[in-house]
Amino acid sequence: MNRFKVIGIGIGCVVGTAVAVFAAPVVLPAMGAAGLLGAASTGTAIASLSGAALTSASCAALTGTIAGTTAVVGGAGAVAGGAAGYGASRILSKDKS
């Protein structure tokens, strides 16, 4: 693997992780408000919550903890970013291997 691909993957992982972690507090509550995440641990429908309660319940519904959700979302962002960085480096270097 050439150096250009490694740099592309590395940059993609860093950017993907940052975007995913910073977007999670916006995306997860939107999913919760839309009714996609079910109920909170108290039995209250997440869609009926608002503010910090909506954000916390949405994060907890995904993995059980906010820290776990951050890890999962960050990891998914890193994988997606790395794949995008690899693809971009292949296109820009015109190397198809």
C-alpha atoms as a PDB file:
ATOM      1  CA  MET A   1       0.000   0.000   0.000  1.00  0.00           C
ATOM      2  CA  ASN A   2       1.489   3.320  -0.967  1.00  0.00           C
ATOM      3  CA  ARG A   3       1.953   6.256   1.359  1.00  0.00           C
ATOM      4  CA  PHE A   4      -0.772   8.313  -0.369  1.00  0.00           C
ATOM      5  CA  LYS A   5      -3.407   5.660   0.455  1.00  0.00           C
ATOM      6  CA  VAL A   6      -2.294   5.420   4.076  1.00  0.00           C
ATOM      7  CA  ILE A   7      -2.540   9.189   4.474  1.00  0.00           C
ATOM      8  CA  GLY A   8      -5.982   9.195   2.809  1.00  0.00           C
ATOM      9  CA  ILE A   9      -7.258   6.463   5.116  1.00  0.00           C
ATOM     10  CA  GLY A  10      -5.836   8.205   8.202  1.00  0.00           C
ATOM     11  CA  ILE A  11      -7.346  11.568   7.333  1.00  0.00           C
ATOM     12  CA  GLY A  12     -10.659   9.894   6.483  1.00  0.00           C
ATOM     13  CA  CYS A  13     -10.749   8.102   9.849  1.00  0.00           C
ATOM     14  CA  VAL A  14     -10.046  11.279  11.809  1.00  0.00           C
ATOM     15  CA  VAL A  15     -12.564  13.377   9.883  1.00  0.00           C
ATOM     16  CA  GLY A  16     -15.192  10.612   9.892  1.00  0.00           C
ATOM     17  CA  THR A  17     -14.893  10.128  13.647  1.00  0.00           C
ATOM     18  CA  ALA A  18     -15.138  13.863  14.337  1.00  0.00           C
ATOM     19  CA  VAL A  19     -18.159  14.327  12.095  1.00  0.00           C
ATOM     20  CA  ALA A  20     -19.956  11.315  13.573  1.00  0.00           C
ATOM     21  CA  VAL A  21     -19.323  12.288  17.195  1.00  0.00           C
ATOM     22  CA  PHE A  22     -20.339  15.906  16.664  1.00  0.00           C
ATOM     23  CA  ALA A  23     -23.424  14.952  14.609  1.00  0.00           C
ATOM     24  CA  ALA A  24     -24.674  12.318  17.076  1.00  0.00           C
ATOM     25  CA  PRO A  25     -26.261  14.811  19.512  1.00  0.00           C
ATOM     26  CA  VAL A  26     -28.336  16.140  16.610  1.00  0.00           C
ATOM     27  CA  VAL A  27     -29.108  12.940  14.717  1.00  0.00           C
ATOM     28  CA  LEU A  28     -29.969  10.628  17.631  1.00  0.00           C
ATOM     29  CA  PRO A  29     -32.566  12.946  19.224  1.00  0.00           C
ATOM     30  CA  ALA A  30     -34.115  13.440  15.788  1.00  0.00           C
ATOM     31  CA  MET A  31     -34.413   9.659  15.477  1.00  0.00           C
ATOM     32  CA  GLY A  32     -35.892   9.479  18.985  1.00  0.00           C
ATOM     33  CA  ALA A  33     -38.391  12.262  18.297  1.00  0.00           C
ATOM     34  CA  ALA A  34     -39.451  10.460  15.118  1.00  0.00           C
ATOM     35  CA  GLY A  35     -40.298   7.393  17.191  1.00  0.00           C
ATOM     36  CA  LEU A  36     -37.535   5.187  15.759  1.00  0.00           C
ATOM     37  CA  LEU A  37     -35.961   4.319  19.119  1.00  0.00           C
ATOM     38  CA  GLY A  38     -38.941   3.070  21.133  1.00  0.00           C
ATOM     39  CA  ALA A  39     -39.179   3.743  24.858  1.00  0.00           C
ATOM     40  CA  ALA A  40     -36.798   4.973  27.536  1.00  0.00           C
ATOM     41  CA  SER A  41     -35.814   2.724  30.452  1.00  0.00           C
ATOM     42  CA  THR A  42     -38.637   4.308  32.458  1.00  0.00           C
ATOM     43  CA  GLY A  43     -41.186   3.113  29.916  1.00  0.00           C
ATOM     44  CA  THR A  44     -41.833   6.613  28.580  1.00  0.00           C
ATOM     45  CA  ALA A  45     -41.915   6.851  24.800  1.00  0.00           C
ATOM     46  CA  ILE A  46     -38.726   8.589  23.655  1.00  0.00           C
ATOM     47  CA  ALA A  47     -40.755  10.511  21.071  1.00  0.00           C
ATOM     48  CA  SER A  48     -42.622  12.255  23.911  1.00  0.00           C
ATOM     49  CA  LEU A  49     -39.440  13.580  25.546  1.00  0.00           C
ATOM     50  CA  SER A  50     -37.634  16.854  24.834  1.00  0.00           C
ATOM     51  CA  GLY A  51     -34.338  18.591  25.520  1.00  0.00           C
ATOM     52  CA  ALA A  52     -31.635  16.824  27.499  1.00  0.00           C
ATOM     53  CA  ALA A  53     -33.981  13.962  28.404  1.00  0.00           C
ATOM     54  CA  LEU A  54     -34.551  13.264  24.698  1.00  0.00           C
ATOM     55  CA  THR A  55     -30.816  13.312  23.953  1.00  0.00           C
ATOM     56  CA  SER A  56     -29.912  11.070  26.913  1.00  0.00           C
ATOM     57  CA  ALA A  57     -32.708   8.571  26.269  1.00  0.00           C
ATOM     58  CA  SER A  58     -31.871   8.428  22.557  1.00  0.00           C
ATOM     59  CA  CYS A  59     -28.213   7.710  23.296  1.00  0.00           C
ATOM     60  CA  ALA A  60     -29.093   5.150  25.948  1.00  0.00           C
ATOM     61  CA  ALA A  61     -31.543   3.401  23.604  1.00  0.00           C
ATOM     62  CA  LEU A  62     -28.758   2.708  21.120  1.00  0.00           C
ATOM     63  CA  THR A  63     -26.234   0.988  23.417  1.00  0.00           C
ATOM     64  CA  GLY A  64     -27.436   1.419  26.992  1.00  0.00           C
ATOM     65  CA  THR A  65     -24.983   4.185  27.900  1.00  0.00           C
ATOM     66  CA  ILE A  66     -23.983   7.546  26.504  1.00  0.00           C
ATOM     67  CA  ALA A  67     -20.304   6.532  26.547  1.00  0.00           C
ATOM     68  CA  GLY A  68     -21.114   3.349  24.627  1.00  0.00           C
ATOM     69  CA  THR A  69     -23.090   5.305  22.081  1.00  0.00           C
ATOM     70  CA  THR A  70     -20.192   7.708  21.604  1.00  0.00           C
ATOM     71  CA  ALA A  71     -17.841   4.769  21.026  1.00  0.00           C
ATOM     72  CA  VAL A  72     -20.181   3.058  18.558  1.00  0.00           C
ATOM     73  CA  VAL A  73     -20.952   6.230  16.623  1.00  0.00           C
ATOM     74  CA  GLY A  74     -17.274   7.261  16.596  1.00  0.00           C
ATOM     75  CA  GLY A  75     -16.222   3.807  15.419  1.00  0.00           C
ATOM     76  CA  ALA A  76     -18.806   3.803  12.646  1.00  0.00           C
ATOM     77  CA  GLY A  77     -17.631   7.254  11.589  1.00  0.00           C
ATOM     78  CA  ALA A  78     -14.015   6.085  11.547  1.00  0.00           C
ATOM     79  CA  VAL A  79     -14.858   3.096   9.353  1.00  0.00           C
ATOM     80  CA  ALA A  80     -16.926   5.188   6.944  1.00  0.00           C
ATOM     81  CA  GLY A  81     -14.297   7.933   6.871  1.00  0.00           C
ATOM     82  CA  GLY A  82     -11.485   5.453   6.312  1.00  0.00           C
ATOM     83  CA  ALA A  83     -13.354   3.856   3.425  1.00  0.00           C
ATOM     84  CA  ALA A  84     -14.039   7.274   1.901  1.00  0.00           C
ATOM     85  CA  GLY A  85     -10.392   8.278   2.365  1.00  0.00           C
ATOM     86  CA  TYR A  86      -9.226   5.058   0.710  1.00  0.00           C
ATOM     87  CA  GLY A  87     -11.584   5.574  -2.221  1.00  0.00           C
ATOM     88  CA  ALA A  88     -10.557   9.193  -2.631  1.00  0.00           C
ATOM     89  CA  SER A  89      -6.861   8.295  -2.520  1.00  0.00           C
ATOM     90  CA  ARG A  90      -7.387   5.644  -5.222  1.00  0.00           C
ATOM     91  CA  ILE A  91      -9.180   8.132  -7.445  1.00  0.00           C
ATOM     92  CA  LEU A  92      -6.681  10.935  -6.896  1.00  0.00           C
ATOM     93  CA  SER A  93      -3.612   8.727  -7.336  1.00  0.00           C
ATOM     94  CA  LYS A  94      -5.146   6.917 -10.322  1.00  0.00           C
ATOM     95  CA  ASP A  95      -3.891   3.698  -8.714  1.00  0.00           C
ATOM     96  CA  LYS A  96      -6.503   0.935  -8.972  1.00  0.00           C
ATOM     97  CA  SER A  97      -4.712  -1.603  -6.759  1.00  0.00           C
END
